[in-house]
Amino acid sequence: MEEVAEVLMEEKEEKKAQKIQKIRIEHHPFLGLGWCGAWLFTIGFLQLAFWRAVLAILLWPYYLGVHFNALAR
């Protein structure tokens, strides 16, 4: 009787181990470096003041769009 209980417990553990999925985490540090590089390029190219540079952290594509839109006209 005890042997049957042990076998059942082992089978449950094996099924539980099979159900667990491994999660693969990938890091992409170059994307962050590219974003920082583009942000610094925007500040230098457009000669933004300090507070506009701080705002450009989130809105740097906007500043480039405004600049090149003015050049296109």
N, C-alpha and C. Protein backbone atom coordinates (compact mmCIF):
# COMPACT_ATOMS: atom_id res chain seq x y z
N MET A 1 0.82 -1.19 0.00
CA MET A 1 0.00 0.00 0.00
C MET A 1 0.87 1.26 0.00
N GLU A 2 1.89 1.24 0.81
CA GLU A 2 2.77 2.41 0.87
C GLU A 2 3.54 2.59 -0.43
N GLU A 3 3.89 1.46 -1.08
CA GLU A 3 4.60 1.53 -2.34
C GLU A 3 3.73 2.17 -3.43
N VAL A 4 2.45 1.85 -3.42
CA VAL A 4 1.52 2.43 -4.38
C VAL A 4 1.41 3.93 -4.17
N ALA A 5 1.36 4.34 -2.92
CA ALA A 5 1.28 5.77 -2.60
C ALA A 5 2.54 6.50 -3.05
N GLU A 6 3.70 5.88 -2.88
CA GLU A 6 4.96 6.49 -3.31
C GLU A 6 5.00 6.62 -4.83
N VAL A 7 4.55 5.60 -5.53
CA VAL A 7 4.53 5.63 -7.00
C VAL A 7 3.60 6.74 -7.48
N LEU A 8 2.45 6.86 -6.85
CA LEU A 8 1.51 7.91 -7.23
C LEU A 8 2.10 9.30 -6.98
N MET A 9 2.79 9.46 -5.87
CA MET A 9 3.42 10.75 -5.56
C MET A 9 4.49 11.08 -6.59
N GLU A 10 5.27 10.08 -6.98
CA GLU A 10 6.31 10.30 -7.98
C GLU A 10 5.70 10.69 -9.33
N GLU A 11 4.61 10.03 -9.69
CA GLU A 11 3.94 10.36 -10.95
C GLU A 11 3.39 11.78 -10.93
N LYS A 12 2.85 12.20 -9.80
CA LYS A 12 2.34 13.58 -9.68
C LYS A 12 3.47 14.59 -9.82
N GLU A 13 4.61 14.30 -9.21
CA GLU A 13 5.75 15.20 -9.29
C GLU A 13 6.28 15.29 -10.72
N GLU A 14 6.29 14.15 -11.43
CA GLU A 14 6.74 14.15 -12.82
C GLU A 14 5.80 14.97 -13.70
N LYS A 15 4.51 14.83 -13.51
CA LYS A 15 3.54 15.59 -14.29
C LYS A 15 3.66 17.08 -13.99
N LYS A 16 3.89 17.40 -12.73
CA LYS A 16 4.04 18.80 -12.33
C LYS A 16 5.29 19.40 -12.98
N ALA A 17 6.37 18.63 -13.01
CA ALA A 17 7.61 19.10 -13.63
C ALA A 17 7.43 19.30 -15.13
N GLN A 18 6.61 18.48 -15.78
CA GLN A 18 6.38 18.61 -17.21
C GLN A 18 5.54 19.84 -17.53
N LYS A 19 4.67 20.24 -16.62
CA LYS A 19 3.80 21.38 -16.86
C LYS A 19 4.53 22.72 -16.73
N ILE A 20 5.60 22.74 -15.98
CA ILE A 20 6.34 23.98 -15.76
C ILE A 20 7.04 24.38 -17.05
N GLN A 21 6.81 25.61 -17.47
CA GLN A 21 7.44 26.13 -18.68
C GLN A 21 8.60 27.03 -18.29
N LYS A 22 9.65 26.96 -19.07
CA LYS A 22 10.79 27.83 -18.82
C LYS A 22 10.56 29.14 -19.57
N ILE A 23 10.87 30.24 -18.90
CA ILE A 23 10.73 31.57 -19.50
C ILE A 23 12.11 32.04 -19.90
N ARG A 24 12.22 32.48 -21.12
CA ARG A 24 13.51 32.96 -21.63
C ARG A 24 13.47 34.49 -21.68
N ILE A 25 14.39 35.11 -20.97
CA ILE A 25 14.48 36.57 -20.93
C ILE A 25 15.67 37.00 -21.76
N GLU A 26 15.41 37.88 -22.71
CA GLU A 26 16.47 38.39 -23.56
C GLU A 26 16.69 39.87 -23.27
N HIS A 27 17.94 40.24 -23.22
CA HIS A 27 18.29 41.64 -22.99
C HIS A 27 18.78 42.24 -24.30
N HIS A 28 18.37 43.45 -24.56
CA HIS A 28 18.78 44.15 -25.77
C HIS A 28 19.37 45.51 -25.38
N PRO A 29 20.60 45.50 -24.88
CA PRO A 29 21.18 46.76 -24.40
C PRO A 29 21.47 47.75 -25.52
N PHE A 30 21.64 47.26 -26.74
CA PHE A 30 21.98 48.17 -27.83
C PHE A 30 20.81 49.07 -28.22
N LEU A 31 19.58 48.61 -27.98
CA LEU A 31 18.43 49.47 -28.25
C LEU A 31 18.42 50.67 -27.33
N GLY A 32 18.73 50.46 -26.08
CA GLY A 32 18.80 51.56 -25.12
C GLY A 32 19.93 52.51 -25.46
N LEU A 33 21.06 51.97 -25.85
CA LEU A 33 22.18 52.81 -26.23
C LEU A 33 21.86 53.61 -27.49
N GLY A 34 21.16 52.98 -28.42
CA GLY A 34 20.75 53.70 -29.63
C GLY A 34 19.79 54.83 -29.32
N TRP A 35 18.86 54.57 -28.40
CA TRP A 35 17.90 55.62 -28.01
C TRP A 35 18.64 56.78 -27.35
N CYS A 36 19.57 56.49 -26.46
CA CYS A 36 20.34 57.56 -25.79
C CYS A 36 21.18 58.33 -26.81
N GLY A 37 21.76 57.61 -27.75
CA GLY A 37 22.56 58.28 -28.78
C GLY A 37 21.71 59.21 -29.63
N ALA A 38 20.51 58.75 -29.99
CA ALA A 38 19.61 59.60 -30.78
C ALA A 38 19.17 60.82 -29.98
N TRP A 39 18.94 60.63 -28.70
CA TRP A 39 18.54 61.75 -27.84
C TRP A 39 19.66 62.77 -27.75
N LEU A 40 20.88 62.32 -27.54
CA LEU A 40 22.01 63.25 -27.47
C LEU A 40 22.25 63.94 -28.81
N PHE A 41 22.06 63.20 -29.90
CA PHE A 41 22.19 63.81 -31.22
C PHE A 41 21.17 64.93 -31.39
N THR A 42 19.94 64.69 -30.95
CA THR A 42 18.89 65.69 -31.08
C THR A 42 19.24 66.95 -30.30
N ILE A 43 19.71 66.77 -29.09
CA ILE A 43 20.07 67.94 -28.27
C ILE A 43 21.18 68.74 -28.93
N GLY A 44 22.21 68.04 -29.42
CA GLY A 44 23.33 68.74 -30.04
C GLY A 44 22.97 69.34 -31.39
N PHE A 45 22.25 68.60 -32.21
CA PHE A 45 21.92 69.06 -33.56
C PHE A 45 20.98 70.25 -33.53
N LEU A 46 19.99 70.21 -32.66
CA LEU A 46 19.00 71.27 -32.60
C LEU A 46 19.36 72.37 -31.61
N GLN A 47 20.46 72.20 -30.90
CA GLN A 47 20.95 73.16 -29.90
C GLN A 47 19.84 73.54 -28.92
N LEU A 48 19.27 72.51 -28.29
CA LEU A 48 18.17 72.73 -27.35
C LEU A 48 18.69 73.25 -26.02
N ALA A 49 17.89 74.11 -25.39
CA ALA A 49 18.20 74.59 -24.05
C ALA A 49 17.98 73.45 -23.05
N PHE A 50 18.40 73.66 -21.80
CA PHE A 50 18.38 72.59 -20.80
C PHE A 50 16.98 72.00 -20.62
N TRP A 51 15.98 72.84 -20.36
CA TRP A 51 14.64 72.30 -20.08
C TRP A 51 14.00 71.67 -21.32
N ARG A 52 14.30 72.22 -22.49
CA ARG A 52 13.81 71.58 -23.71
C ARG A 52 14.52 70.24 -23.93
N ALA A 53 15.77 70.15 -23.53
CA ALA A 53 16.50 68.89 -23.63
C ALA A 53 15.90 67.85 -22.69
N VAL A 54 15.50 68.29 -21.49
CA VAL A 54 14.85 67.38 -20.55
C VAL A 54 13.52 66.90 -21.14
N LEU A 55 12.78 67.80 -21.75
CA LEU A 55 11.52 67.43 -22.39
C LEU A 55 11.76 66.51 -23.59
N ALA A 56 12.89 66.69 -24.23
CA ALA A 56 13.22 65.87 -25.40
C ALA A 56 13.48 64.42 -25.03
N ILE A 57 13.63 64.12 -23.76
CA ILE A 57 13.80 62.73 -23.35
C ILE A 57 12.63 61.89 -23.88
N LEU A 58 11.45 62.44 -23.82
CA LEU A 58 10.27 61.73 -24.30
C LEU A 58 9.84 62.14 -25.70
N LEU A 59 10.15 63.36 -26.08
CA LEU A 59 9.59 63.91 -27.32
C LEU A 59 10.64 64.21 -28.39
N TRP A 60 11.78 63.52 -28.38
CA TRP A 60 12.80 63.88 -29.35
C TRP A 60 12.37 63.69 -30.79
N PRO A 61 11.52 62.73 -31.15
CA PRO A 61 11.08 62.69 -32.56
C PRO A 61 10.26 63.92 -32.95
N TYR A 62 9.52 64.48 -32.00
CA TYR A 62 8.75 65.69 -32.26
C TYR A 62 9.67 66.85 -32.62
N TYR A 63 10.74 67.02 -31.84
CA TYR A 63 11.66 68.12 -32.10
C TYR A 63 12.33 67.97 -33.47
N LEU A 64 12.70 66.74 -33.83
CA LEU A 64 13.29 66.54 -35.15
C LEU A 64 12.27 66.81 -36.25
N GLY A 65 11.02 66.41 -36.05
CA GLY A 65 9.98 66.65 -37.03
C GLY A 65 9.72 68.13 -37.25
N VAL A 66 9.67 68.88 -36.16
CA VAL A 66 9.46 70.33 -36.28
C VAL A 66 10.62 70.97 -37.02
N HIS A 67 11.83 70.56 -36.70
CA HIS A 67 13.01 71.15 -37.34
C HIS A 67 13.02 70.87 -38.84
N PHE A 68 12.83 69.61 -39.21
CA PHE A 68 12.90 69.26 -40.64
C PHE A 68 11.65 69.72 -41.40
N ASN A 69 10.54 69.89 -40.74
CA ASN A 69 9.36 70.44 -41.39
C ASN A 69 9.60 71.89 -41.76
N ALA A 70 10.26 72.61 -40.87
CA ALA A 70 10.57 74.01 -41.17
C ALA A 70 11.56 74.11 -42.33
N LEU A 71 12.49 73.16 -42.44
CA LEU A 71 13.44 73.18 -43.54
C LEU A 71 12.77 72.83 -44.87
N ALA A 72 11.74 72.01 -44.82
CA ALA A 72 11.06 71.58 -46.05
C ALA A 72 10.22 72.68 -46.66
N ARG A 73 9.82 73.64 -45.87
CA ARG A 73 8.97 74.73 -46.39
C ARG A 73 9.73 75.78 -47.07
